[in-house]
Structure formats: C-alpha cells, structure tokens
Amino acid sequence: MPPTTPPGHNGPPPSLPETGGGRATLAASGASAALIVAGAILYRRGRAASRR
C-alpha cells in the first residue's frame, strides 16, 4: 500500500480575522484603568473616614 499524502493547499495561507482593535481599544483600556483607580481611591477614603 503506497503512503498517502494530504492534498495540496492552493491559495493564500490562513490568517486571523481583523477585529478592529486599535486606538479605540487602547482608549477604552485607559479609561477602564482610570475608573478602577478612581474607585479604589474613593473606597480607601471611605474606609478611612469611617474609622474616625
């Protein structure tokens, strides 16, 4: 029995789809980080004020 080989692939190699990530994603990440930091600061201020 002769060895079988997979059929050849004619065409461009496969690639991942474009997701649209760019400046908008970077801006959203920055805004998200800023909101998390602001929330942590407010939480700490509230905890400190409640101990007085």
PDB file of N, CA and C in Angstrom:
ATOM      1  N   MET A   1       0.852  -1.172   0.000  1.00  0.00           N
ATOM      2  CA  MET A   1       0.000   0.000   0.000  1.00  0.00           C
ATOM      3  C   MET A   1       0.904   1.244   0.000  1.00  0.00           C
ATOM      4  N   PRO A   2       0.742   2.128  -0.982  1.00  0.00           N
ATOM      5  CA  PRO A   2       1.597   3.318  -1.042  1.00  0.00           C
ATOM      6  C   PRO A   2       1.202   4.323   0.047  1.00  0.00           C
ATOM      7  N   PRO A   3       2.174   5.100   0.527  1.00  0.00           N
ATOM      8  CA  PRO A   3       1.838   6.110   1.552  1.00  0.00           C
ATOM      9  C   PRO A   3       0.909   7.172   0.973  1.00  0.00           C
ATOM     10  N   THR A   4      -0.017   7.609   1.819  1.00  0.00           N
ATOM     11  CA  THR A   4      -0.953   8.644   1.367  1.00  0.00           C
ATOM     12  C   THR A   4      -0.452   9.994   1.842  1.00  0.00           C
ATOM     13  N   THR A   5      -0.592  10.961   1.003  1.00  0.00           N
ATOM     14  CA  THR A   5      -0.207  12.323   1.362  1.00  0.00           C
ATOM     15  C   THR A   5      -1.456  13.191   1.305  1.00  0.00           C
ATOM     16  N   PRO A   6      -1.540  14.197   2.165  1.00  0.00           N
ATOM     17  CA  PRO A   6      -2.715  15.069   2.132  1.00  0.00           C
ATOM     18  C   PRO A   6      -2.735  15.869   0.834  1.00  0.00           C
ATOM     19  N   PRO A   7      -3.905  16.235   0.388  1.00  0.00           N
ATOM     20  CA  PRO A   7      -3.973  17.022  -0.843  1.00  0.00           C
ATOM     21  C   PRO A   7      -3.293  18.368  -0.653  1.00  0.00           C
ATOM     22  N   GLY A   8      -2.723  18.887  -1.715  1.00  0.00           N
ATOM     23  CA  GLY A   8      -2.034  20.176  -1.656  1.00  0.00           C
ATOM     24  C   GLY A   8      -2.997  21.317  -1.370  1.00  0.00           C
ATOM     25  N   HIS A   9      -2.452  22.348  -0.820  1.00  0.00           N
ATOM     26  CA  HIS A   9      -3.260  23.529  -0.495  1.00  0.00           C
ATOM     27  C   HIS A   9      -2.878  24.630  -1.458  1.00  0.00           C
ATOM     28  N   ASN A  10      -3.798  25.018  -2.281  1.00  0.00           N
ATOM     29  CA  ASN A  10      -3.553  26.092  -3.241  1.00  0.00           C
ATOM     30  C   ASN A  10      -4.280  27.340  -2.770  1.00  0.00           C
ATOM     31  N   GLY A  11      -3.542  28.410  -2.590  1.00  0.00           N
ATOM     32  CA  GLY A  11      -4.158  29.655  -2.174  1.00  0.00           C
ATOM     33  C   GLY A  11      -3.352  30.303  -1.064  1.00  0.00           C
ATOM     34  N   PRO A  12      -3.831  31.418  -0.579  1.00  0.00           N
ATOM     35  CA  PRO A  12      -3.094  32.131   0.478  1.00  0.00           C
ATOM     36  C   PRO A  12      -3.146  31.365   1.798  1.00  0.00           C
ATOM     37  N   PRO A  13      -2.154  31.562   2.647  1.00  0.00           N
ATOM     38  CA  PRO A  13      -2.172  30.875   3.942  1.00  0.00           C
ATOM     39  C   PRO A  13      -3.289  31.429   4.822  1.00  0.00           C
ATOM     40  N   PRO A  14      -3.770  30.649   5.760  1.00  0.00           N
ATOM     41  CA  PRO A  14      -4.842  31.140   6.635  1.00  0.00           C
ATOM     42  C   PRO A  14      -4.347  32.274   7.522  1.00  0.00           C
ATOM     43  N   SER A  15      -5.251  33.172   7.866  1.00  0.00           N
ATOM     44  CA  SER A  15      -4.894  34.289   8.741  1.00  0.00           C
ATOM     45  C   SER A  15      -6.058  34.570   9.675  1.00  0.00           C
ATOM     46  N   LEU A  16      -5.759  35.260  10.756  1.00  0.00           N
ATOM     47  CA  LEU A  16      -6.795  35.617  11.723  1.00  0.00           C
ATOM     48  C   LEU A  16      -7.621  36.786  11.194  1.00  0.00           C
ATOM     49  N   PRO A  17      -8.890  36.864  11.546  1.00  0.00           N
ATOM     50  CA  PRO A  17      -9.720  37.969  11.079  1.00  0.00           C
ATOM     51  C   PRO A  17      -9.342  39.278  11.770  1.00  0.00           C
ATOM     52  N   GLU A  18      -9.591  40.375  11.110  1.00  0.00           N
ATOM     53  CA  GLU A  18      -9.339  41.695  11.672  1.00  0.00           C
ATOM     54  C   GLU A  18     -10.443  42.002  12.677  1.00  0.00           C
ATOM     55  N   THR A  19     -10.074  42.308  13.917  1.00  0.00           N
ATOM     56  CA  THR A  19     -11.066  42.539  14.967  1.00  0.00           C
ATOM     57  C   THR A  19     -11.382  44.010  15.167  1.00  0.00           C
ATOM     58  N   GLY A  20     -10.669  44.881  14.515  1.00  0.00           N
ATOM     59  CA  GLY A  20     -10.947  46.295  14.655  1.00  0.00           C
ATOM     60  C   GLY A  20     -10.265  46.922  15.860  1.00  0.00           C
ATOM     61  N   GLY A  21      -9.376  46.194  16.513  1.00  0.00           N
ATOM     62  CA  GLY A  21      -8.657  46.744  17.652  1.00  0.00           C
ATOM     63  C   GLY A  21      -7.661  47.792  17.188  1.00  0.00           C
ATOM     64  N   GLY A  22      -7.561  48.841  17.910  1.00  0.00           N
ATOM     65  CA  GLY A  22      -6.652  49.915  17.541  1.00  0.00           C
ATOM     66  C   GLY A  22      -6.690  50.988  18.600  1.00  0.00           C
ATOM     67  N   ARG A  23      -6.793  52.217  18.127  1.00  0.00           N
ATOM     68  CA  ARG A  23      -6.811  53.348  19.063  1.00  0.00           C
ATOM     69  C   ARG A  23      -8.022  53.313  19.989  1.00  0.00           C
ATOM     70  N   ALA A  24      -9.153  52.892  19.463  1.00  0.00           N
ATOM     71  CA  ALA A  24     -10.365  52.855  20.291  1.00  0.00           C
ATOM     72  C   ALA A  24     -10.208  51.858  21.434  1.00  0.00           C
ATOM     73  N   THR A  25      -9.604  50.719  21.149  1.00  0.00           N
ATOM     74  CA  THR A  25      -9.390  49.720  22.193  1.00  0.00           C
ATOM     75  C   THR A  25      -8.406  50.230  23.228  1.00  0.00           C
ATOM     76  N   LEU A  26      -7.364  50.897  22.774  1.00  0.00           N
ATOM     77  CA  LEU A  26      -6.376  51.456  23.692  1.00  0.00           C
ATOM     78  C   LEU A  26      -7.013  52.537  24.569  1.00  0.00           C
ATOM     79  N   ALA A  27      -7.835  53.382  23.985  1.00  0.00           N
ATOM     80  CA  ALA A  27      -8.508  54.432  24.754  1.00  0.00           C
ATOM     81  C   ALA A  27      -9.472  53.832  25.774  1.00  0.00           C
ATOM     82  N   ALA A  28     -10.201  52.813  25.370  1.00  0.00           N
ATOM     83  CA  ALA A  28     -11.134  52.164  26.289  1.00  0.00           C
ATOM     84  C   ALA A  28     -10.390  51.493  27.438  1.00  0.00           C
ATOM     85  N   SER A  29      -9.242  50.904  27.158  1.00  0.00           N
ATOM     86  CA  SER A  29      -8.442  50.276  28.211  1.00  0.00           C
ATOM     87  C   SER A  29      -7.933  51.323  29.198  1.00  0.00           C
ATOM     88  N   GLY A  30      -7.486  52.445  28.690  1.00  0.00           N
ATOM     89  CA  GLY A  30      -7.019  53.521  29.561  1.00  0.00           C
ATOM     90  C   GLY A  30      -8.124  54.082  30.435  1.00  0.00           C
ATOM     91  N   ALA A  31      -9.296  54.283  29.834  1.00  0.00           N
ATOM     92  CA  ALA A  31     -10.429  54.798  30.596  1.00  0.00           C
ATOM     93  C   ALA A  31     -10.858  53.792  31.665  1.00  0.00           C
ATOM     94  N   SER A  32     -10.828  52.529  31.335  1.00  0.00           N
ATOM     95  CA  SER A  32     -11.189  51.488  32.295  1.00  0.00           C
ATOM     96  C   SER A  32     -10.217  51.482  33.469  1.00  0.00           C
ATOM     97  N   ALA A  33      -8.937  51.567  33.181  1.00  0.00           N
ATOM     98  CA  ALA A  33      -7.930  51.590  34.249  1.00  0.00           C
ATOM     99  C   ALA A  33      -8.113  52.822  35.136  1.00  0.00           C
ATOM    100  N   ALA A  34      -8.411  53.967  34.530  1.00  0.00           N
ATOM    101  CA  ALA A  34      -8.619  55.188  35.309  1.00  0.00           C
ATOM    102  C   ALA A  34      -9.829  55.056  36.232  1.00  0.00           C
ATOM    103  N   LEU A  35     -10.893  54.453  35.741  1.00  0.00           N
ATOM    104  CA  LEU A  35     -12.084  54.271  36.578  1.00  0.00           C
ATOM    105  C   LEU A  35     -11.817  53.301  37.729  1.00  0.00           C
ATOM    106  N   ILE A  36     -11.046  52.275  37.489  1.00  0.00           N
ATOM    107  CA  ILE A  36     -10.720  51.328  38.561  1.00  0.00           C
ATOM    108  C   ILE A  36      -9.872  52.008  39.626  1.00  0.00           C
ATOM    109  N   VAL A  37      -8.880  52.792  39.214  1.00  0.00           N
ATOM    110  CA  VAL A  37      -8.030  53.503  40.174  1.00  0.00           C
ATOM    111  C   VAL A  37      -8.854  54.515  40.968  1.00  0.00           C
ATOM    112  N   ALA A  38      -9.738  55.243  40.292  1.00  0.00           N
ATOM    113  CA  ALA A  38     -10.581  56.222  40.987  1.00  0.00           C
ATOM    114  C   ALA A  38     -11.491  55.522  41.998  1.00  0.00           C
ATOM    115  N   GLY A  39     -12.032  54.384  41.637  1.00  0.00           N
ATOM    116  CA  GLY A  39     -12.875  53.637  42.563  1.00  0.00           C
ATOM    117  C   GLY A  39     -12.099  53.154  43.775  1.00  0.00           C
ATOM    118  N   ALA A  40     -10.861  52.721  43.561  1.00  0.00           N
ATOM    119  CA  ALA A  40     -10.033  52.273  44.686  1.00  0.00           C
ATOM    120  C   ALA A  40      -9.726  53.440  45.627  1.00  0.00           C
ATOM    121  N   ILE A  41      -9.459  54.608  45.068  1.00  0.00           N
ATOM    122  CA  ILE A  41      -9.178  55.788  45.907  1.00  0.00           C
ATOM    123  C   ILE A  41     -10.409  56.155  46.722  1.00  0.00           C
ATOM    124  N   LEU A  42     -11.579  56.182  46.088  1.00  0.00           N
ATOM    125  CA  LEU A  42     -12.804  56.514  46.819  1.00  0.00           C
ATOM    126  C   LEU A  42     -13.099  55.483  47.908  1.00  0.00           C
ATOM    127  N   TYR A  43     -12.849  54.220  47.617  1.00  0.00           N
ATOM    128  CA  TYR A  43     -13.068  53.166  48.606  1.00  0.00           C
ATOM    129  C   TYR A  43     -12.164  53.367  49.812  1.00  0.00           C
ATOM    130  N   ARG A  44     -10.889  53.654  49.563  1.00  0.00           N
ATOM    131  CA  ARG A  44      -9.947  53.868  50.672  1.00  0.00           C
ATOM    132  C   ARG A  44     -10.305  55.109  51.478  1.00  0.00           C
ATOM    133  N   ARG A  45     -10.743  56.161  50.809  1.00  0.00           N
ATOM    134  CA  ARG A  45     -11.153  57.375  51.539  1.00  0.00           C
ATOM    135  C   ARG A  45     -12.360  57.087  52.420  1.00  0.00           C
ATOM    136  N   GLY A  46     -13.298  56.337  51.901  1.00  0.00           N
ATOM    137  CA  GLY A  46     -14.476  55.989  52.680  1.00  0.00           C
ATOM    138  C   GLY A  46     -14.146  55.133  53.871  1.00  0.00           C
ATOM    139  N   ARG A  47     -13.239  54.189  53.714  1.00  0.00           N
ATOM    140  CA  ARG A  47     -12.818  53.341  54.833  1.00  0.00           C
ATOM    141  C   ARG A  47     -12.092  54.163  55.899  1.00  0.00           C
ATOM    142  N   ALA A  48     -11.239  55.085  55.455  1.00  0.00           N
ATOM    143  CA  ALA A  48     -10.502  55.920  56.411  1.00  0.00           C
ATOM    144  C   ALA A  48     -11.458  56.846  57.171  1.00  0.00           C
ATOM    145  N   ALA A  49     -12.456  57.392  56.476  1.00  0.00           N
ATOM    146  CA  ALA A  49     -13.402  58.307  57.117  1.00  0.00           C
ATOM    147  C   ALA A  49     -14.300  57.564  58.100  1.00  0.00           C
ATOM    148  N   SER A  50     -14.588  56.307  57.866  1.00  0.00           N
ATOM    149  CA  SER A  50     -15.478  55.569  58.750  1.00  0.00           C
ATOM    150  C   SER A  50     -14.768  55.167  60.051  1.00  0.00           C
ATOM    151  N   ARG A  51     -13.462  55.183  60.061  1.00  0.00           N
ATOM    152  CA  ARG A  51     -12.713  54.822  61.284  1.00  0.00           C
ATOM    153  C   ARG A  51     -12.614  55.985  62.272  1.00  0.00           C
ATOM    154  N   ARG A  52     -12.892  57.181  61.807  1.00  0.00           N
ATOM    155  CA  ARG A  52     -12.767  58.353  62.692  1.00  0.00           C
ATOM    156  C   ARG A  52     -13.910  58.483  63.643  1.00  0.00           C
TER     157      ARG A  52
END
